[in-house]
PDB file of N, CA and C in Angstrom:
ATOM      1  N   UNK A   1       0.855  -1.181   0.000  1.00  0.00           N
ATOM      2  CA  UNK A   1       0.000   0.000   0.000  1.00  0.00           C
ATOM      3  C   UNK A   1       0.896   1.239   0.000  1.00  0.00           C
ATOM      4  N   UNK A   2       0.678   2.149  -0.947  1.00  0.00           N
ATOM      5  CA  UNK A   2       1.480   3.370  -0.974  1.00  0.00           C
ATOM      6  C   UNK A   2       0.862   4.425  -0.065  1.00  0.00           C
ATOM      7  N   UNK A   3       1.561   5.515   0.100  1.00  0.00           N
ATOM      8  CA  UNK A   3       1.139   6.536   1.065  1.00  0.00           C
ATOM      9  C   UNK A   3      -0.204   7.166   0.693  1.00  0.00           C
ATOM     10  N   UNK A   4      -0.440   7.403  -0.593  1.00  0.00           N
ATOM     11  CA  UNK A   4      -1.711   8.011  -0.997  1.00  0.00           C
ATOM     12  C   UNK A   4      -2.889   7.082  -0.705  1.00  0.00           C
ATOM     13  N   UNK A   5      -2.699   5.803  -0.956  1.00  0.00           N
ATOM     14  CA  UNK A   5      -3.745   4.823  -0.650  1.00  0.00           C
ATOM     15  C   UNK A   5      -4.001   4.770   0.846  1.00  0.00           C
ATOM     16  N   UNK A   6      -2.933   4.833   1.621  1.00  0.00           N
ATOM     17  CA  UNK A   6      -3.064   4.822   3.080  1.00  0.00           C
ATOM     18  C   UNK A   6      -3.842   6.038   3.560  1.00  0.00           C
ATOM     19  N   UNK A   7      -3.541   7.204   3.000  1.00  0.00           N
ATOM     20  CA  UNK A   7      -4.253   8.424   3.382  1.00  0.00           C
ATOM     21  C   UNK A   7      -5.747   8.311   3.075  1.00  0.00           C
ATOM     22  N   UNK A   8      -6.068   7.833   1.890  1.00  0.00           N
ATOM     23  CA  UNK A   8      -7.477   7.687   1.501  1.00  0.00           C
ATOM     24  C   UNK A   8      -8.178   6.708   2.432  1.00  0.00           C
ATOM     25  N   UNK A   9      -7.507   5.613   2.745  1.00  0.00           N
ATOM     26  CA  UNK A   9      -8.070   4.622   3.656  1.00  0.00           C
ATOM     27  C   UNK A   9      -8.340   5.236   5.033  1.00  0.00           C
ATOM     28  N   UNK A  10      -7.391   6.022   5.527  1.00  0.00           N
ATOM     29  CA  UNK A  10      -7.570   6.672   6.831  1.00  0.00           C
ATOM     30  C   UNK A  10      -8.728   7.665   6.817  1.00  0.00           C
ATOM     31  N   UNK A  11      -8.823   8.440   5.765  1.00  0.00           N
ATOM     32  CA  UNK A  11      -9.920   9.409   5.659  1.00  0.00           C
ATOM     33  C   UNK A  11     -11.262   8.682   5.667  1.00  0.00           C
ATOM     34  N   UNK A  12     -11.349   7.606   4.917  1.00  0.00           N
ATOM     35  CA  UNK A  12     -12.593   6.823   4.895  1.00  0.00           C
ATOM     36  C   UNK A  12     -12.923   6.280   6.279  1.00  0.00           C
ATOM     37  N   UNK A  13     -11.923   5.792   6.974  1.00  0.00           N
ATOM     38  CA  UNK A  13     -12.150   5.277   8.322  1.00  0.00           C
ATOM     39  C   UNK A  13     -12.590   6.394   9.269  1.00  0.00           C
ATOM     40  N   UNK A  14     -11.976   7.570   9.139  1.00  0.00           N
ATOM     41  CA  UNK A  14     -12.354   8.702   9.989  1.00  0.00           C
ATOM     42  C   UNK A  14     -13.820   9.080   9.798  1.00  0.00           C
ATOM     43  N   UNK A  15     -14.268   9.081   8.553  1.00  0.00           N
ATOM     44  CA  UNK A  15     -15.665   9.430   8.283  1.00  0.00           C
ATOM     45  C   UNK A  15     -16.643   8.453   8.921  1.00  0.00           C
ATOM     46  N   UNK A  16     -16.199   7.242   9.165  1.00  0.00           N
ATOM     47  CA  UNK A  16     -17.084   6.227   9.741  1.00  0.00           C
ATOM     48  C   UNK A  16     -17.033   6.160  11.262  1.00  0.00           C
ATOM     49  N   UNK A  17     -16.180   6.963  11.883  1.00  0.00           N
ATOM     50  CA  UNK A  17     -16.091   6.967  13.346  1.00  0.00           C
ATOM     51  C   UNK A  17     -17.190   7.864  13.904  1.00  0.00           C
ATOM     52  N   UNK A  18     -17.958   7.325  14.841  1.00  0.00           N
ATOM     53  CA  UNK A  18     -19.062   8.080  15.430  1.00  0.00           C
ATOM     54  C   UNK A  18     -18.844   8.407  16.899  1.00  0.00           C
ATOM     55  N   UNK A  19     -17.719   8.004  17.446  1.00  0.00           N
ATOM     56  CA  UNK A  19     -17.432   8.285  18.854  1.00  0.00           C
ATOM     57  C   UNK A  19     -16.493   9.485  18.943  1.00  0.00           C
ATOM     58  N   UNK A  20     -16.970  10.529  19.601  1.00  0.00           N
ATOM     59  CA  UNK A  20     -16.151  11.736  19.741  1.00  0.00           C
ATOM     60  C   UNK A  20     -14.868  11.446  20.511  1.00  0.00           C
ATOM     61  N   UNK A  21     -14.932  10.561  21.490  1.00  0.00           N
ATOM     62  CA  UNK A  21     -13.740  10.250  22.287  1.00  0.00           C
ATOM     63  C   UNK A  21     -12.637   9.643  21.421  1.00  0.00           C
ATOM     64  N   UNK A  22     -13.005   8.814  20.467  1.00  0.00           N
ATOM     65  CA  UNK A  22     -12.017   8.213  19.562  1.00  0.00           C
ATOM     66  C   UNK A  22     -11.416   9.291  18.668  1.00  0.00           C
ATOM     67  N   UNK A  23     -12.253  10.172  18.158  1.00  0.00           N
ATOM     68  CA  UNK A  23     -11.765  11.261  17.306  1.00  0.00           C
ATOM     69  C   UNK A  23     -10.823  12.182  18.077  1.00  0.00           C
ATOM     70  N   UNK A  24     -11.130  12.443  19.343  1.00  0.00           N
ATOM     71  CA  UNK A  24     -10.254  13.280  20.169  1.00  0.00           C
ATOM     72  C   UNK A  24      -8.903  12.606  20.383  1.00  0.00           C
ATOM     73  N   UNK A  25      -8.906  11.298  20.554  1.00  0.00           N
ATOM     74  CA  UNK A  25      -7.646  10.568  20.725  1.00  0.00           C
ATOM     75  C   UNK A  25      -6.805  10.638  19.453  1.00  0.00           C
ATOM     76  N   UNK A  26      -7.452  10.483  18.314  1.00  0.00           N
ATOM     77  CA  UNK A  26      -6.742  10.570  17.034  1.00  0.00           C
ATOM     78  C   UNK A  26      -6.181  11.976  16.852  1.00  0.00           C
ATOM     79  N   UNK A  27      -6.979  12.983  17.173  1.00  0.00           N
ATOM     80  CA  UNK A  27      -6.513  14.372  17.051  1.00  0.00           C
ATOM     81  C   UNK A  27      -5.322  14.629  17.959  1.00  0.00           C
ATOM     82  N   UNK A  28      -5.350  14.088  19.166  1.00  0.00           N
ATOM     83  CA  UNK A  28      -4.234  14.268  20.098  1.00  0.00           C
ATOM     84  C   UNK A  28      -2.953  13.668  19.527  1.00  0.00           C
ATOM     85  N   UNK A  29      -3.070  12.518  18.901  1.00  0.00           N
ATOM     86  CA  UNK A  29      -1.900  11.888  18.276  1.00  0.00           C
ATOM     87  C   UNK A  29      -1.378  12.767  17.148  1.00  0.00           C
ATOM     88  N   UNK A  30      -2.274  13.246  16.304  1.00  0.00           N
ATOM     89  CA  UNK A  30      -1.862  14.091  15.180  1.00  0.00           C
ATOM     90  C   UNK A  30      -1.259  15.408  15.657  1.00  0.00           C
ATOM     91  N   UNK A  31      -1.817  15.983  16.713  1.00  0.00           N
ATOM     92  CA  UNK A  31      -1.287  17.239  17.255  1.00  0.00           C
ATOM     93  C   UNK A  31       0.138  17.067  17.757  1.00  0.00           C
ATOM     94  N   UNK A  32       0.446  15.910  18.342  1.00  0.00           N
ATOM     95  CA  UNK A  32       1.804  15.662  18.844  1.00  0.00           C
ATOM     96  C   UNK A  32       2.810  15.604  17.703  1.00  0.00           C
ATOM     97  N   UNK A  33       2.359  15.229  16.523  1.00  0.00           N
ATOM     98  CA  UNK A  33       3.249  15.099  15.376  1.00  0.00           C
ATOM     99  C   UNK A  33       3.292  16.350  14.498  1.00  0.00           C
ATOM    100  N   UNK A  34       2.488  17.350  14.838  1.00  0.00           N
ATOM    101  CA  UNK A  34       2.440  18.583  14.056  1.00  0.00           C
ATOM    102  C   UNK A  34       3.777  19.317  14.141  1.00  0.00           C
ATOM    103  N   UNK A  35       4.235  19.849  13.027  1.00  0.00           N
ATOM    104  CA  UNK A  35       5.465  20.638  12.988  1.00  0.00           C
ATOM    105  C   UNK A  35       5.142  22.017  13.552  1.00  0.00           C
ATOM    106  N   UNK A  36       5.878  22.405  14.609  1.00  0.00           N
ATOM    107  CA  UNK A  36       5.611  23.693  15.258  1.00  0.00           C
ATOM    108  C   UNK A  36       6.777  24.664  15.136  1.00  0.00           C
ATOM    109  N   UNK A  37       7.941  24.161  14.696  1.00  0.00           N
ATOM    110  CA  UNK A  37       9.117  25.026  14.594  1.00  0.00           C
ATOM    111  C   UNK A  37      10.143  24.350  13.690  1.00  0.00           C
ATOM    112  N   UNK A  38      11.190  25.102  13.387  1.00  0.00           N
ATOM    113  CA  UNK A  38      12.295  24.583  12.586  1.00  0.00           C
ATOM    114  C   UNK A  38      13.605  24.998  13.240  1.00  0.00           C
ATOM    115  N   UNK A  39      14.621  24.144  13.116  1.00  0.00           N
ATOM    116  CA  UNK A  39      15.942  24.508  13.615  1.00  0.00           C
ATOM    117  C   UNK A  39      16.558  25.520  12.656  1.00  0.00           C
ATOM    118  N   UNK A  40      17.687  26.085  13.036  1.00  0.00           N
ATOM    119  CA  UNK A  40      18.352  27.049  12.156  1.00  0.00           C
ATOM    120  C   UNK A  40      18.827  26.396  10.866  1.00  0.00           C
ATOM    121  N   UNK A  41      18.994  25.071  10.883  1.00  0.00           N
ATOM    122  CA  UNK A  41      19.398  24.358   9.668  1.00  0.00           C
ATOM    123  C   UNK A  41      18.192  23.899   8.845  1.00  0.00           C
ATOM    124  N   UNK A  42      16.978  24.216   9.322  1.00  0.00           N
ATOM    125  CA  UNK A  42      15.776  23.893   8.569  1.00  0.00           C
ATOM    126  C   UNK A  42      15.106  22.583   8.945  1.00  0.00           C
ATOM    127  N   UNK A  43      15.619  21.900   9.956  1.00  0.00           N
ATOM    128  CA  UNK A  43      15.020  20.631  10.387  1.00  0.00           C
ATOM    129  C   UNK A  43      13.682  20.913  11.074  1.00  0.00           C
ATOM    130  N   UNK A  44      12.605  20.240  10.639  1.00  0.00           N
ATOM    131  CA  UNK A  44      11.308  20.454  11.286  1.00  0.00           C
ATOM    132  C   UNK A  44      11.271  19.830  12.675  1.00  0.00           C
ATOM    133  N   UNK A  45      10.574  20.493  13.596  1.00  0.00           N
ATOM    134  CA  UNK A  45      10.454  20.002  14.967  1.00  0.00           C
ATOM    135  C   UNK A  45       8.988  19.839  15.344  1.00  0.00           C
ATOM    136  N   UNK A  46       8.673  18.693  15.916  1.00  0.00           N
ATOM    137  CA  UNK A  46       7.346  18.497  16.485  1.00  0.00           C
ATOM    138  C   UNK A  46       7.304  19.231  17.816  1.00  0.00           C
ATOM    139  N   UNK A  47       6.127  19.351  18.392  1.00  0.00           N
ATOM    140  CA  UNK A  47       5.983  20.019  19.687  1.00  0.00           C
ATOM    141  C   UNK A  47       6.885  19.345  20.728  1.00  0.00           C
ATOM    142  N   UNK A  48       6.874  18.011  20.743  1.00  0.00           N
ATOM    143  CA  UNK A  48       7.674  17.269  21.715  1.00  0.00           C
ATOM    144  C   UNK A  48       9.173  17.523  21.514  1.00  0.00           C
ATOM    145  N   UNK A  49       9.627  17.492  20.263  1.00  0.00           N
ATOM    146  CA  UNK A  49      11.040  17.737  19.974  1.00  0.00           C
ATOM    147  C   UNK A  49      11.424  19.176  20.314  1.00  0.00           C
ATOM    148  N   UNK A  50      10.520  20.115  20.060  1.00  0.00           N
ATOM    149  CA  UNK A  50      10.765  21.523  20.361  1.00  0.00           C
ATOM    150  C   UNK A  50      10.940  21.729  21.864  1.00  0.00           C
ATOM    151  N   UNK A  51      10.081  21.100  22.643  1.00  0.00           N
ATOM    152  CA  UNK A  51      10.186  21.198  24.102  1.00  0.00           C
ATOM    153  C   UNK A  51      11.512  20.610  24.575  1.00  0.00           C
ATOM    154  N   UNK A  52      11.934  19.496  23.980  1.00  0.00           N
ATOM    155  CA  UNK A  52      13.215  18.890  24.348  1.00  0.00           C
ATOM    156  C   UNK A  52      14.376  19.830  24.020  1.00  0.00           C
ATOM    157  N   UNK A  53      14.304  20.505  22.884  1.00  0.00           N
ATOM    158  CA  UNK A  53      15.346  21.466  22.511  1.00  0.00           C
ATOM    159  C   UNK A  53      15.402  22.618  23.519  1.00  0.00           C
ATOM    160  N   UNK A  54      14.251  23.083  23.958  1.00  0.00           N
ATOM    161  CA  UNK A  54      14.197  24.162  24.949  1.00  0.00           C
ATOM    162  C   UNK A  54      14.801  23.702  26.266  1.00  0.00           C
ATOM    163  N   UNK A  55      14.450  22.498  26.699  1.00  0.00           N
ATOM    164  CA  UNK A  55      15.001  21.963  27.951  1.00  0.00           C
ATOM    165  C   UNK A  55      16.517  21.826  27.861  1.00  0.00           C
ATOM    166  N   UNK A  56      17.017  21.377  26.704  1.00  0.00           N
ATOM    167  CA  UNK A  56      18.463  21.247  26.514  1.00  0.00           C
ATOM    168  C   UNK A  56      19.130  22.621  26.587  1.00  0.00           C
ATOM    169  N   UNK A  57      18.518  23.614  25.959  1.00  0.00           N
ATOM    170  CA  UNK A  57      19.065  24.970  25.986  1.00  0.00           C
ATOM    171  C   UNK A  57      19.078  25.529  27.405  1.00  0.00           C
ATOM    172  N   UNK A  58      18.020  25.279  28.160  1.00  0.00           N
ATOM    173  CA  UNK A  58      17.966  25.748  29.549  1.00  0.00           C
ATOM    174  C   UNK A  58      19.045  25.075  30.392  1.00  0.00           C
ATOM    175  N   UNK A  59      19.285  23.806  30.139  1.00  0.00           N
ATOM    176  CA  UNK A  59      20.335  23.080  30.863  1.00  0.00           C
ATOM    177  C   UNK A  59      21.708  23.661  30.513  1.00  0.00           C
ATOM    178  N   UNK A  60      21.925  23.956  29.228  1.00  0.00           N
ATOM    179  CA  UNK A  60      23.184  24.580  28.813  1.00  0.00           C
ATOM    180  C   UNK A  60      23.388  25.908  29.534  1.00  0.00           C
ATOM    181  N   UNK A  61      22.349  26.701  29.633  1.00  0.00           N
ATOM    182  CA  UNK A  61      22.442  27.991  30.326  1.00  0.00           C
ATOM    183  C   UNK A  61      22.773  27.777  31.794  1.00  0.00           C
ATOM    184  N   UNK A  62      22.070  26.843  32.430  1.00  0.00           N
ATOM    185  CA  UNK A  62      22.323  26.544  33.845  1.00  0.00           C
ATOM    186  C   UNK A  62      23.757  26.090  34.084  1.00  0.00           C
ATOM    187  N   UNK A  63      24.345  25.406  33.086  1.00  0.00           N
ATOM    188  CA  UNK A  63      25.716  24.904  33.202  1.00  0.00           C
ATOM    189  C   UNK A  63      26.757  25.923  32.737  1.00  0.00           C
ATOM    190  N   UNK A  64      26.296  27.117  32.374  1.00  0.00           N
ATOM    191  CA  UNK A  64      27.224  28.160  31.945  1.00  0.00           C
ATOM    192  C   UNK A  64      27.723  27.985  30.523  1.00  0.00           C
ATOM    193  N   UNK A  65      27.079  27.154  29.760  1.00  0.00           N
ATOM    194  CA  UNK A  65      27.496  26.880  28.387  1.00  0.00           C
ATOM    195  C   UNK A  65      26.800  27.855  27.428  1.00  0.00           C
ATOM    196  N   UNK A  66      27.259  29.097  27.448  1.00  0.00           N
ATOM    197  CA  UNK A  66      26.709  30.131  26.583  1.00  0.00           C
ATOM    198  C   UNK A  66      27.719  31.268  26.502  1.00  0.00           C
ATOM    199  N   UNK A  67      27.487  32.179  25.547  1.00  0.00           N
ATOM    200  CA  UNK A  67      28.290  33.397  25.503  1.00  0.00           C
ATOM    201  C   UNK A  67      27.327  34.578  25.577  1.00  0.00           C
ATOM    202  N   UNK A  68      27.802  35.657  26.136  1.00  0.00           N
ATOM    203  CA  UNK A  68      26.962  36.845  26.264  1.00  0.00           C
ATOM    204  C   UNK A  68      26.911  37.590  24.932  1.00  0.00           C
ATOM    205  N   UNK A  69      26.001  38.510  24.846  1.00  0.00           N
ATOM    206  CA  UNK A  69      25.881  39.340  23.650  1.00  0.00           C
ATOM    207  C   UNK A  69      27.181  40.108  23.415  1.00  0.00           C
ATOM    208  N   UNK A  70      27.737  40.648  24.488  1.00  0.00           N
ATOM    209  CA  UNK A  70      28.983  41.406  24.368  1.00  0.00           C
ATOM    210  C   UNK A  70      30.120  40.510  23.879  1.00  0.00           C
ATOM    211  N   UNK A  71      30.206  39.288  24.410  1.00  0.00           N
ATOM    212  CA  UNK A  71      31.244  38.350  23.964  1.00  0.00           C
ATOM    213  C   UNK A  71      31.075  38.020  22.483  1.00  0.00           C
ATOM    214  N   UNK A  72      29.852  37.884  22.039  1.00  0.00           N
ATOM    215  CA  UNK A  72      29.595  37.608  20.630  1.00  0.00           C
ATOM    216  C   UNK A  72      30.027  38.781  19.760  1.00  0.00           C
ATOM    217  N   UNK A  73      29.724  39.996  20.190  1.00  0.00           N
ATOM    218  CA  UNK A  73      30.143  41.173  19.427  1.00  0.00           C
ATOM    219  C   UNK A  73      31.661  41.242  19.317  1.00  0.00           C
ATOM    220  N   UNK A  74      32.361  40.923  20.395  1.00  0.00           N
ATOM    221  CA  UNK A  74      33.828  40.917  20.369  1.00  0.00           C
ATOM    222  C   UNK A  74      34.342  39.840  19.418  1.00  0.00           C
ATOM    223  N   UNK A  75      33.701  38.690  19.419  1.00  0.00           N
ATOM    224  CA  UNK A  75      34.099  37.597  18.527  1.00  0.00           C
ATOM    225  C   UNK A  75      33.892  37.986  17.068  1.00  0.00           C
ATOM    226  N   UNK A  76      32.790  38.665  16.779  1.00  0.00           N
ATOM    227  CA  UNK A  76      32.492  39.086  15.412  1.00  0.00           C
ATOM    228  C   UNK A  76      33.558  40.051  14.898  1.00  0.00           C
ATOM    229  N   UNK A  77      34.087  40.894  15.766  1.00  0.00           N
ATOM    230  CA  UNK A  77      35.125  41.847  15.358  1.00  0.00           C
ATOM    231  C   UNK A  77      36.374  41.138  14.849  1.00  0.00           C
ATOM    232  N   UNK A  78      36.589  39.901  15.285  1.00  0.00           N
ATOM    233  CA  UNK A  78      37.775  39.135  14.881  1.00  0.00           C
ATOM    234  C   UNK A  78      37.616  38.482  13.509  1.00  0.00           C
ATOM    235  N   UNK A  79      36.413  38.481  12.976  1.00  0.00           N
ATOM    236  CA  UNK A  79      36.175  37.827  11.695  1.00  0.00           C
ATOM    237  C   UNK A  79      36.840  38.582  10.621  1.00  0.00           C
TER     238      UNK A  79
END
């Protein structure tokens, strides 16, 4: 089964679902996979991956793994 056939099959199945609770569960799954941001290199990030990136950045800051704006300006002068 190719991807287009799979999509059509899923749409048909969705139309036949009459339980709102099931539809909400499906929506929750789809929402978790939604692209909400991109990295500076263009990699798409889901909500979950984006939150993980934020947590990693906060940990880096807590560990002193960053440079200040002033340090960056000084570094740029050396280019």
